[in-house]
């Protein structure tokens, strides 16, 4: 086995959920676990860095109003910038991602996500996902020169009901497919 296979890859997981309980964080964790399994199946070990945006709300507001970057926000940006791949989980309300997610993207600035493989996971408040949300999210990431994987994970109220009853095959299959795509993109990005 090559030395590269023993070198861990870095996965940043950004969760933009701010409510209690935090289903967005649960979705982010499920996706991250699936990515780690997929990387392990390919002989790679992942180091995961979780960034919870609910802890940075005041820092993001200060950055937005005054342009100041706190130490915590600087560390979150550094964690994302140093990663080989990124999972972004955000709640979606009224066909838009959370404001805290938009603020974090603005704080990242251009260049941080350049050529970064990204998996998008949306925690939707509706079972009827507006078709344009996929384009909106992809556009925001591609405007920052990120490289989103083809499969978008969307968990709606029916999925949360299904997971409560251990019948979440559709969501699990979608997560596994997206995770395999991100793992492959991370390996290619590393080379």
N, C-alpha and C. Protein backbone atom coordinates (compact mmCIF):
# COMPACT_ATOMS: atom_id res chain seq x y z
N UNK A 1 0.85 -1.18 0.00
CA UNK A 1 0.00 0.00 0.00
C UNK A 1 0.89 1.24 0.00
N UNK A 2 0.52 2.26 -0.74
CA UNK A 2 1.33 3.46 -0.86
C UNK A 2 1.25 4.31 0.41
N UNK A 3 2.27 5.17 0.56
CA UNK A 3 2.28 6.07 1.72
C UNK A 3 1.08 7.01 1.70
N UNK A 4 0.62 7.35 0.47
CA UNK A 4 -0.53 8.26 0.36
C UNK A 4 -1.78 7.65 0.98
N UNK A 5 -1.91 6.33 0.90
CA UNK A 5 -3.08 5.69 1.47
C UNK A 5 -3.08 5.80 2.99
N UNK A 6 -1.89 5.91 3.59
CA UNK A 6 -1.81 6.00 5.05
C UNK A 6 -1.96 7.43 5.54
N UNK A 7 -1.80 8.41 4.66
CA UNK A 7 -1.95 9.80 5.03
C UNK A 7 -3.44 10.11 5.13
N UNK A 8 -3.89 10.61 6.27
CA UNK A 8 -5.33 10.88 6.39
C UNK A 8 -5.76 12.03 5.50
N UNK A 9 -6.99 11.93 5.03
CA UNK A 9 -7.60 13.03 4.30
C UNK A 9 -8.44 13.82 5.29
N UNK A 10 -8.62 15.08 5.01
CA UNK A 10 -9.34 15.97 5.92
C UNK A 10 -10.72 16.28 5.37
N UNK A 11 -11.72 16.05 6.21
CA UNK A 11 -13.11 16.34 5.84
C UNK A 11 -13.65 17.39 6.80
N UNK A 12 -14.07 18.53 6.27
CA UNK A 12 -14.73 19.55 7.08
C UNK A 12 -16.23 19.37 6.94
N UNK A 13 -16.94 19.47 8.05
CA UNK A 13 -18.39 19.31 8.06
C UNK A 13 -18.99 20.56 8.67
N UNK A 14 -19.67 21.34 7.85
CA UNK A 14 -20.29 22.59 8.29
C UNK A 14 -21.79 22.36 8.47
N UNK A 15 -22.27 22.61 9.67
CA UNK A 15 -23.69 22.48 9.97
C UNK A 15 -24.25 23.86 10.28
N UNK A 16 -25.26 24.25 9.51
CA UNK A 16 -25.83 25.59 9.65
C UNK A 16 -27.15 25.59 10.40
N UNK A 17 -27.48 24.52 11.08
CA UNK A 17 -28.71 24.47 11.86
C UNK A 17 -28.58 25.27 13.14
N UNK A 18 -29.62 26.01 13.50
CA UNK A 18 -29.55 26.83 14.71
C UNK A 18 -30.65 26.51 15.72
N UNK A 19 -31.62 25.67 15.37
CA UNK A 19 -32.72 25.37 16.29
C UNK A 19 -32.41 24.19 17.20
N UNK A 20 -33.33 23.93 18.11
CA UNK A 20 -33.23 22.77 18.99
C UNK A 20 -34.48 21.93 18.80
N UNK A 21 -34.44 20.64 18.63
CA UNK A 21 -33.21 19.87 18.43
C UNK A 21 -32.60 20.21 17.08
N UNK A 22 -31.43 19.71 16.82
CA UNK A 22 -30.70 20.09 15.61
C UNK A 22 -30.72 18.97 14.58
N UNK A 23 -31.81 18.82 13.83
CA UNK A 23 -31.83 17.76 12.81
C UNK A 23 -30.80 18.00 11.72
N UNK A 24 -30.46 19.26 11.46
CA UNK A 24 -29.45 19.54 10.44
C UNK A 24 -28.11 18.97 10.86
N UNK A 25 -27.76 19.08 12.13
CA UNK A 25 -26.51 18.50 12.62
C UNK A 25 -26.56 16.98 12.53
N UNK A 26 -27.72 16.40 12.84
CA UNK A 26 -27.86 14.94 12.74
C UNK A 26 -27.65 14.50 11.29
N UNK A 27 -28.23 15.23 10.34
CA UNK A 27 -28.04 14.94 8.92
C UNK A 27 -26.57 15.07 8.54
N UNK A 28 -25.92 16.12 9.01
CA UNK A 28 -24.50 16.32 8.72
C UNK A 28 -23.67 15.15 9.25
N UNK A 29 -23.99 14.68 10.45
CA UNK A 29 -23.26 13.55 11.04
C UNK A 29 -23.45 12.28 10.23
N UNK A 30 -24.70 12.01 9.80
CA UNK A 30 -24.96 10.82 8.99
C UNK A 30 -24.17 10.85 7.69
N UNK A 31 -24.16 12.04 7.06
CA UNK A 31 -23.42 12.18 5.80
C UNK A 31 -21.93 12.00 6.03
N UNK A 32 -21.40 12.62 7.08
CA UNK A 32 -19.96 12.51 7.37
C UNK A 32 -19.57 11.06 7.64
N UNK A 33 -20.40 10.34 8.38
CA UNK A 33 -20.12 8.92 8.65
C UNK A 33 -20.08 8.12 7.36
N UNK A 34 -21.02 8.41 6.44
CA UNK A 34 -21.05 7.70 5.16
C UNK A 34 -19.82 8.03 4.32
N UNK A 35 -19.37 9.28 4.34
CA UNK A 35 -18.17 9.66 3.60
C UNK A 35 -16.96 8.93 4.19
N UNK A 36 -16.86 8.88 5.50
CA UNK A 36 -15.74 8.18 6.15
C UNK A 36 -15.74 6.70 5.79
N UNK A 37 -16.93 6.08 5.76
CA UNK A 37 -17.02 4.66 5.36
C UNK A 37 -16.56 4.47 3.93
N UNK A 38 -16.97 5.37 3.05
CA UNK A 38 -16.60 5.27 1.64
C UNK A 38 -15.11 5.48 1.46
N UNK A 39 -14.54 6.43 2.19
CA UNK A 39 -13.10 6.64 2.12
C UNK A 39 -12.35 5.42 2.64
N UNK A 40 -12.83 4.84 3.75
CA UNK A 40 -12.18 3.66 4.33
C UNK A 40 -12.23 2.48 3.37
N UNK A 41 -13.33 2.34 2.64
CA UNK A 41 -13.45 1.26 1.66
C UNK A 41 -12.41 1.40 0.56
N UNK A 42 -11.98 2.63 0.31
CA UNK A 42 -10.95 2.90 -0.70
C UNK A 42 -9.56 2.95 -0.11
N UNK A 43 -9.42 2.62 1.17
CA UNK A 43 -8.10 2.56 1.80
C UNK A 43 -7.62 3.87 2.41
N UNK A 44 -8.50 4.83 2.58
CA UNK A 44 -8.10 6.12 3.16
C UNK A 44 -8.75 6.31 4.53
N UNK A 45 -8.07 7.03 5.37
CA UNK A 45 -8.59 7.37 6.69
C UNK A 45 -8.92 8.86 6.69
N UNK A 46 -10.04 9.20 7.28
CA UNK A 46 -10.47 10.61 7.29
C UNK A 46 -10.36 11.20 8.69
N UNK A 47 -9.89 12.42 8.73
CA UNK A 47 -9.95 13.23 9.95
C UNK A 47 -11.06 14.25 9.74
N UNK A 48 -12.02 14.26 10.65
CA UNK A 48 -13.21 15.10 10.49
C UNK A 48 -13.12 16.30 11.42
N UNK A 49 -13.38 17.46 10.85
CA UNK A 49 -13.43 18.71 11.61
C UNK A 49 -14.84 19.27 11.48
N UNK A 50 -15.58 19.31 12.59
CA UNK A 50 -16.96 19.81 12.58
C UNK A 50 -16.97 21.31 12.89
N UNK A 51 -17.75 22.04 12.10
CA UNK A 51 -17.93 23.48 12.29
C UNK A 51 -19.43 23.71 12.45
N UNK A 52 -19.85 24.07 13.66
CA UNK A 52 -21.26 24.35 13.93
C UNK A 52 -21.48 25.85 13.89
N UNK A 53 -22.23 26.30 12.90
CA UNK A 53 -22.40 27.73 12.69
C UNK A 53 -23.25 28.39 13.76
N UNK A 54 -24.07 27.62 14.49
CA UNK A 54 -24.88 28.25 15.55
C UNK A 54 -23.97 28.85 16.62
N UNK A 55 -22.77 28.35 16.75
CA UNK A 55 -21.81 28.90 17.72
C UNK A 55 -21.13 30.17 17.21
N UNK A 56 -21.30 30.45 15.93
CA UNK A 56 -20.63 31.60 15.32
C UNK A 56 -21.59 32.71 14.90
N UNK A 57 -22.84 32.63 15.34
CA UNK A 57 -23.85 33.60 14.90
C UNK A 57 -23.41 35.03 15.22
N UNK A 58 -22.97 35.28 16.45
CA UNK A 58 -22.55 36.64 16.82
C UNK A 58 -21.30 37.06 16.04
N UNK A 59 -20.37 36.12 15.85
CA UNK A 59 -19.15 36.42 15.10
C UNK A 59 -19.47 36.76 13.64
N UNK A 60 -20.42 36.01 13.07
CA UNK A 60 -20.80 36.27 11.68
C UNK A 60 -21.52 37.61 11.55
N UNK A 61 -22.35 37.95 12.53
CA UNK A 61 -23.03 39.25 12.52
C UNK A 61 -22.01 40.39 12.62
N UNK A 62 -21.01 40.22 13.48
CA UNK A 62 -19.96 41.23 13.62
C UNK A 62 -19.16 41.35 12.33
N UNK A 63 -18.87 40.23 11.69
CA UNK A 63 -18.14 40.27 10.43
C UNK A 63 -18.96 40.98 9.36
N UNK A 64 -20.25 40.69 9.33
CA UNK A 64 -21.13 41.28 8.33
C UNK A 64 -21.26 42.80 8.53
N UNK A 65 -21.36 43.23 9.79
CA UNK A 65 -21.56 44.65 10.09
C UNK A 65 -20.27 45.46 10.05
N UNK A 66 -19.18 44.86 10.57
CA UNK A 66 -17.95 45.63 10.75
C UNK A 66 -16.74 45.08 10.02
N UNK A 67 -16.88 43.91 9.40
CA UNK A 67 -15.76 43.32 8.69
C UNK A 67 -14.72 42.68 9.59
N UNK A 68 -15.02 42.58 10.88
CA UNK A 68 -14.07 41.96 11.82
C UNK A 68 -14.19 40.45 11.78
N UNK A 69 -13.05 39.79 11.88
CA UNK A 69 -13.02 38.33 11.89
C UNK A 69 -12.50 37.90 13.26
N UNK A 70 -13.38 37.31 14.06
CA UNK A 70 -13.00 36.85 15.40
C UNK A 70 -12.08 35.64 15.29
N UNK A 71 -11.44 35.29 16.38
CA UNK A 71 -10.56 34.13 16.40
C UNK A 71 -11.35 32.85 16.08
N UNK A 72 -12.54 32.69 16.65
CA UNK A 72 -13.35 31.50 16.37
C UNK A 72 -13.73 31.41 14.90
N UNK A 73 -14.12 32.54 14.32
CA UNK A 73 -14.48 32.55 12.90
C UNK A 73 -13.24 32.28 12.05
N UNK A 74 -12.12 32.84 12.41
CA UNK A 74 -10.86 32.60 11.68
C UNK A 74 -10.51 31.11 11.71
N UNK A 75 -10.70 30.47 12.87
CA UNK A 75 -10.41 29.03 12.98
C UNK A 75 -11.36 28.20 12.13
N UNK A 76 -12.63 28.59 12.09
CA UNK A 76 -13.60 27.87 11.26
C UNK A 76 -13.25 28.00 9.78
N UNK A 77 -12.88 29.19 9.35
CA UNK A 77 -12.48 29.41 7.96
C UNK A 77 -11.23 28.59 7.64
N UNK A 78 -10.27 28.57 8.56
CA UNK A 78 -9.04 27.80 8.35
C UNK A 78 -9.33 26.31 8.24
N UNK A 79 -10.25 25.80 9.07
CA UNK A 79 -10.60 24.38 9.03
C UNK A 79 -11.20 24.01 7.67
N UNK A 80 -12.07 24.87 7.17
CA UNK A 80 -12.68 24.61 5.86
C UNK A 80 -11.63 24.72 4.76
N UNK A 81 -10.80 25.74 4.82
CA UNK A 81 -9.79 25.95 3.78
C UNK A 81 -8.75 24.86 3.72
N UNK A 82 -8.47 24.21 4.84
CA UNK A 82 -7.43 23.16 4.89
C UNK A 82 -7.97 21.79 4.51
N UNK A 83 -9.28 21.66 4.35
CA UNK A 83 -9.89 20.36 4.11
C UNK A 83 -9.69 19.89 2.67
N UNK A 84 -9.72 18.56 2.52
CA UNK A 84 -9.69 17.95 1.19
C UNK A 84 -11.09 17.82 0.61
N UNK A 85 -12.09 17.94 1.47
CA UNK A 85 -13.48 17.85 1.05
C UNK A 85 -14.36 18.49 2.09
N UNK A 86 -15.57 18.85 1.68
CA UNK A 86 -16.47 19.60 2.56
C UNK A 86 -17.88 19.04 2.47
N UNK A 87 -18.49 18.85 3.63
CA UNK A 87 -19.92 18.55 3.71
C UNK A 87 -20.59 19.81 4.25
N UNK A 88 -21.60 20.29 3.56
CA UNK A 88 -22.36 21.45 4.01
C UNK A 88 -23.79 21.00 4.26
N UNK A 89 -24.25 21.13 5.48
CA UNK A 89 -25.63 20.81 5.82
C UNK A 89 -26.31 22.08 6.30
N UNK A 90 -27.42 22.43 5.65
CA UNK A 90 -28.12 23.64 6.01
C UNK A 90 -29.63 23.40 6.00
N UNK A 91 -30.33 24.02 6.95
CA UNK A 91 -31.79 23.98 6.84
C UNK A 91 -32.24 24.86 5.68
N UNK A 92 -33.37 24.51 5.10
CA UNK A 92 -33.93 25.29 3.99
C UNK A 92 -35.33 25.71 4.39
N UNK A 93 -35.54 27.01 4.40
CA UNK A 93 -36.85 27.57 4.69
C UNK A 93 -37.21 28.53 3.57
N UNK A 94 -38.41 28.43 3.08
CA UNK A 94 -38.90 29.32 2.02
C UNK A 94 -37.95 29.33 0.82
N UNK A 95 -37.49 28.15 0.43
CA UNK A 95 -36.65 27.96 -0.77
C UNK A 95 -35.30 28.66 -0.69
N UNK A 96 -34.81 28.90 0.52
CA UNK A 96 -33.49 29.50 0.69
C UNK A 96 -32.75 28.80 1.82
N UNK A 97 -31.42 28.73 1.69
CA UNK A 97 -30.65 28.19 2.81
C UNK A 97 -30.68 29.17 3.97
N UNK A 98 -30.23 28.74 5.13
CA UNK A 98 -30.27 29.60 6.30
C UNK A 98 -29.40 30.85 6.11
N UNK A 99 -29.78 31.92 6.77
CA UNK A 99 -29.02 33.16 6.69
C UNK A 99 -27.62 32.99 7.26
N UNK A 100 -27.49 32.16 8.29
CA UNK A 100 -26.17 31.94 8.90
C UNK A 100 -25.24 31.25 7.89
N UNK A 101 -25.81 30.37 7.05
CA UNK A 101 -25.01 29.73 6.00
C UNK A 101 -24.53 30.77 4.99
N UNK A 102 -25.44 31.64 4.55
CA UNK A 102 -25.05 32.70 3.61
C UNK A 102 -23.98 33.60 4.20
N UNK A 103 -24.11 33.93 5.48
CA UNK A 103 -23.12 34.78 6.15
C UNK A 103 -21.77 34.09 6.21
N UNK A 104 -21.77 32.78 6.45
CA UNK A 104 -20.51 32.05 6.50
C UNK A 104 -19.85 32.01 5.13
N UNK A 105 -20.64 31.78 4.08
CA UNK A 105 -20.07 31.81 2.73
C UNK A 105 -19.43 33.17 2.44
N UNK A 106 -20.11 34.24 2.85
CA UNK A 106 -19.56 35.57 2.63
C UNK A 106 -18.26 35.76 3.40
N UNK A 107 -18.20 35.20 4.61
CA UNK A 107 -16.98 35.32 5.42
C UNK A 107 -15.83 34.52 4.82
N UNK A 108 -16.16 33.40 4.17
CA UNK A 108 -15.10 32.59 3.55
C UNK A 108 -14.35 33.37 2.48
N UNK A 109 -15.08 34.16 1.73
CA UNK A 109 -14.46 34.93 0.66
C UNK A 109 -14.08 34.03 -0.51
N UNK A 110 -13.58 34.65 -1.56
CA UNK A 110 -13.21 33.91 -2.77
C UNK A 110 -11.85 33.24 -2.58
N UNK A 111 -11.71 32.08 -3.16
CA UNK A 111 -10.45 31.36 -3.11
C UNK A 111 -10.41 30.25 -2.08
N UNK A 112 -11.12 30.39 -0.96
CA UNK A 112 -11.07 29.37 0.08
C UNK A 112 -11.64 28.05 -0.41
N UNK A 113 -12.71 28.11 -1.19
CA UNK A 113 -13.34 26.89 -1.68
C UNK A 113 -12.92 26.52 -3.10
N UNK A 114 -11.90 27.16 -3.63
CA UNK A 114 -11.48 26.91 -5.00
C UNK A 114 -11.12 25.44 -5.21
N UNK A 115 -11.84 24.80 -6.14
CA UNK A 115 -11.66 23.39 -6.52
C UNK A 115 -11.95 22.41 -5.39
N UNK A 116 -12.63 22.87 -4.34
CA UNK A 116 -12.97 22.03 -3.19
C UNK A 116 -14.17 21.14 -3.53
N UNK A 117 -14.04 19.82 -3.39
CA UNK A 117 -15.20 18.95 -3.55
C UNK A 117 -16.18 19.18 -2.39
N UNK A 118 -17.45 19.38 -2.72
CA UNK A 118 -18.45 19.72 -1.71
C UNK A 118 -19.69 18.84 -1.89
N UNK A 119 -20.19 18.33 -0.76
CA UNK A 119 -21.45 17.59 -0.74
C UNK A 119 -22.47 18.47 -0.02
N UNK A 120 -23.59 18.72 -0.68
CA UNK A 120 -24.66 19.54 -0.11
C UNK A 120 -25.72 18.65 0.50
N UNK A 121 -26.09 18.95 1.74
CA UNK A 121 -27.17 18.23 2.42
C UNK A 121 -28.15 19.27 2.95
N UNK A 122 -29.41 19.15 2.54
CA UNK A 122 -30.41 20.13 2.91
C UNK A 122 -31.44 19.50 3.84
N UNK A 123 -31.71 20.17 4.93
CA UNK A 123 -32.76 19.78 5.87
C UNK A 123 -33.96 20.66 5.55
N UNK A 124 -34.90 20.10 4.81
CA UNK A 124 -36.02 20.88 4.31
C UNK A 124 -37.20 20.86 5.27
N UNK A 125 -37.87 21.99 5.36
CA UNK A 125 -39.06 22.09 6.21
C UNK A 125 -40.30 21.59 5.48
N UNK A 126 -40.14 21.24 4.21
CA UNK A 126 -41.27 20.82 3.39
C UNK A 126 -40.95 19.52 2.66
N UNK A 127 -41.97 18.71 2.45
CA UNK A 127 -41.77 17.50 1.63
C UNK A 127 -41.69 17.85 0.15
N UNK A 128 -42.20 19.02 -0.20
CA UNK A 128 -42.14 19.47 -1.60
C UNK A 128 -41.00 20.46 -1.75
N UNK A 129 -39.88 19.95 -2.18
CA UNK A 129 -38.70 20.80 -2.33
C UNK A 129 -38.81 21.61 -3.62
N UNK A 130 -38.73 22.94 -3.55
CA UNK A 130 -38.76 23.73 -4.78
C UNK A 130 -37.59 23.32 -5.67
N UNK A 131 -37.84 23.09 -6.97
CA UNK A 131 -36.78 22.60 -7.85
C UNK A 131 -35.61 23.56 -8.00
N UNK A 132 -35.85 24.85 -7.80
CA UNK A 132 -34.77 25.81 -8.02
C UNK A 132 -33.77 25.87 -6.86
N UNK A 133 -34.07 25.26 -5.70
CA UNK A 133 -33.14 25.32 -4.57
C UNK A 133 -31.82 24.64 -4.92
N UNK A 134 -31.90 23.56 -5.69
CA UNK A 134 -30.68 22.87 -6.12
C UNK A 134 -29.81 23.82 -6.93
N UNK A 135 -30.43 24.52 -7.88
CA UNK A 135 -29.67 25.45 -8.71
C UNK A 135 -29.12 26.61 -7.89
N UNK A 136 -29.92 27.11 -6.95
CA UNK A 136 -29.47 28.22 -6.09
C UNK A 136 -28.24 27.81 -5.29
N UNK A 137 -28.31 26.64 -4.67
CA UNK A 137 -27.20 26.17 -3.85
C UNK A 137 -25.95 25.90 -4.70
N UNK A 138 -26.13 25.22 -5.80
CA UNK A 138 -24.98 24.93 -6.67
C UNK A 138 -24.36 26.22 -7.20
N UNK A 139 -25.20 27.17 -7.57
CA UNK A 139 -24.68 28.44 -8.10
C UNK A 139 -23.84 29.16 -7.05
N UNK A 140 -24.32 29.16 -5.80
CA UNK A 140 -23.56 29.83 -4.74
C UNK A 140 -22.18 29.20 -4.57
N UNK A 141 -22.14 27.88 -4.64
CA UNK A 141 -20.86 27.20 -4.47
C UNK A 141 -19.97 27.35 -5.71
N UNK A 142 -20.54 27.22 -6.89
CA UNK A 142 -19.71 27.35 -8.08
C UNK A 142 -19.23 28.79 -8.27
N UNK A 143 -20.00 29.77 -7.79
CA UNK A 143 -19.53 31.16 -7.81
C UNK A 143 -18.27 31.31 -6.97
N UNK A 144 -18.11 30.44 -5.98
CA UNK A 144 -16.91 30.47 -5.13
C UNK A 144 -15.86 29.48 -5.64
N UNK A 145 -16.09 28.95 -6.85
CA UNK A 145 -15.18 28.02 -7.53
C UNK A 145 -15.07 26.67 -6.83
N UNK A 146 -16.07 26.32 -6.01
CA UNK A 146 -16.12 24.99 -5.41
C UNK A 146 -16.62 24.00 -6.45
N UNK A 147 -16.47 22.71 -6.14
CA UNK A 147 -16.85 21.65 -7.06
C UNK A 147 -17.88 20.74 -6.40
N UNK A 148 -19.19 21.11 -6.43
CA UNK A 148 -20.21 20.26 -5.78
C UNK A 148 -20.37 18.93 -6.49
N UNK A 149 -20.55 17.87 -5.70
CA UNK A 149 -20.80 16.54 -6.28
C UNK A 149 -22.20 16.52 -6.88
N UNK A 150 -22.47 15.61 -7.82
CA UNK A 150 -23.76 15.61 -8.51
C UNK A 150 -24.98 15.37 -7.61
N UNK A 151 -24.85 14.47 -6.62
CA UNK A 151 -26.01 14.12 -5.81
C UNK A 151 -26.20 15.08 -4.66
N UNK A 152 -27.39 15.63 -4.56
CA UNK A 152 -27.77 16.51 -3.47
C UNK A 152 -28.61 15.71 -2.49
N UNK A 153 -28.27 15.75 -1.20
CA UNK A 153 -29.04 15.05 -0.18
C UNK A 153 -30.09 16.01 0.36
N UNK A 154 -31.35 15.60 0.29
CA UNK A 154 -32.44 16.42 0.82
C UNK A 154 -33.25 15.56 1.78
N UNK A 155 -33.35 15.99 3.03
CA UNK A 155 -34.15 15.30 4.04
C UNK A 155 -35.33 16.20 4.40
N UNK A 156 -36.52 15.70 4.18
CA UNK A 156 -37.73 16.44 4.51
C UNK A 156 -38.44 15.82 5.69
N UNK A 157 -39.57 16.38 6.09
CA UNK A 157 -40.31 15.86 7.24
C UNK A 157 -40.63 14.36 7.13
N UNK A 158 -40.95 13.89 5.93
CA UNK A 158 -41.26 12.47 5.76
C UNK A 158 -40.04 11.61 6.05
N UNK A 159 -38.85 12.11 5.70
CA UNK A 159 -37.62 11.36 5.98
C UNK A 159 -37.37 11.27 7.48
N UNK A 160 -37.62 12.36 8.21
CA UNK A 160 -37.41 12.33 9.65
C UNK A 160 -38.41 11.40 10.31
N UNK A 161 -39.64 11.36 9.78
CA UNK A 161 -40.62 10.40 10.29
C UNK A 161 -40.15 8.98 10.02
N UNK A 162 -39.62 8.75 8.82
CA UNK A 162 -39.15 7.41 8.45
C UNK A 162 -37.99 6.98 9.33
N UNK A 163 -37.05 7.91 9.61
CA UNK A 163 -35.90 7.53 10.44
C UNK A 163 -36.35 7.21 11.86
N UNK A 164 -37.41 7.86 12.31
CA UNK A 164 -37.93 7.56 13.64
C UNK A 164 -38.51 6.15 13.70
N UNK A 165 -38.93 5.64 12.54
CA UNK A 165 -39.50 4.29 12.47
C UNK A 165 -38.55 3.31 11.77
N UNK A 166 -37.28 3.66 11.65
CA UNK A 166 -36.26 2.80 11.03
C UNK A 166 -36.60 2.39 9.60
N UNK A 167 -37.25 3.26 8.85
CA UNK A 167 -37.58 2.97 7.46
C UNK A 167 -37.11 4.13 6.58
N UNK A 168 -35.81 4.31 6.55
CA UNK A 168 -35.26 5.46 5.84
C UNK A 168 -34.39 5.03 4.66
N UNK A 169 -34.84 4.01 3.93
CA UNK A 169 -34.03 3.46 2.85
C UNK A 169 -33.72 4.50 1.77
N UNK A 170 -34.70 5.34 1.40
CA UNK A 170 -34.47 6.34 0.35
C UNK A 170 -33.39 7.32 0.77
N UNK A 171 -33.50 7.83 2.00
CA UNK A 171 -32.52 8.80 2.49
C UNK A 171 -31.14 8.15 2.62
N UNK A 172 -31.09 6.94 3.16
CA UNK A 172 -29.80 6.24 3.30
C UNK A 172 -29.13 6.02 1.95
N UNK A 173 -29.92 5.60 0.96
CA UNK A 173 -29.36 5.35 -0.37
C UNK A 173 -28.83 6.64 -0.98
N UNK A 174 -29.55 7.73 -0.81
CA UNK A 174 -29.10 9.03 -1.33
C UNK A 174 -27.82 9.47 -0.64
N UNK A 175 -27.77 9.32 0.68
CA UNK A 175 -26.56 9.69 1.43
C UNK A 175 -25.38 8.85 0.98
N UNK A 176 -25.58 7.54 0.84
CA UNK A 176 -24.48 6.67 0.42
C UNK A 176 -23.97 7.03 -0.97
N UNK A 177 -24.88 7.33 -1.90
CA UNK A 177 -24.47 7.70 -3.26
C UNK A 177 -23.67 9.01 -3.24
N UNK A 178 -24.18 10.02 -2.53
CA UNK A 178 -23.48 11.30 -2.46
C UNK A 178 -22.14 11.15 -1.76
N UNK A 179 -22.09 10.33 -0.70
CA UNK A 179 -20.84 10.11 0.04
C UNK A 179 -19.79 9.45 -0.84
N UNK A 180 -20.21 8.47 -1.66
CA UNK A 180 -19.27 7.82 -2.57
C UNK A 180 -18.73 8.82 -3.59
N UNK A 181 -19.61 9.71 -4.07
CA UNK A 181 -19.16 10.74 -5.01
C UNK A 181 -18.16 11.69 -4.37
N UNK A 182 -18.43 12.09 -3.12
CA UNK A 182 -17.50 13.00 -2.45
C UNK A 182 -16.18 12.31 -2.16
N UNK A 183 -16.22 11.06 -1.72
CA UNK A 183 -14.98 10.33 -1.43
C UNK A 183 -14.12 10.21 -2.68
N UNK A 184 -14.74 9.90 -3.82
CA UNK A 184 -13.99 9.81 -5.08
C UNK A 184 -13.42 11.17 -5.47
N UNK A 185 -14.21 12.22 -5.31
CA UNK A 185 -13.73 13.57 -5.64
C UNK A 185 -12.59 13.99 -4.71
N UNK A 186 -12.67 13.61 -3.43
CA UNK A 186 -11.60 13.94 -2.49
C UNK A 186 -10.31 13.22 -2.86
N UNK A 187 -10.42 11.96 -3.24
CA UNK A 187 -9.21 11.21 -3.65
C UNK A 187 -8.60 11.85 -4.88
N UNK A 188 -9.43 12.24 -5.85
CA UNK A 188 -8.92 12.88 -7.08
C UNK A 188 -8.32 14.25 -6.76
N UNK A 189 -8.96 14.99 -5.84
CA UNK A 189 -8.48 16.31 -5.44
C UNK A 189 -7.11 16.22 -4.77
N UNK A 190 -6.88 15.13 -4.04
CA UNK A 190 -5.65 14.92 -3.30
C UNK A 190 -4.47 14.64 -4.22
N UNK A 191 -4.74 14.06 -5.40
CA UNK A 191 -3.65 13.64 -6.30
C UNK A 191 -3.08 14.80 -7.07
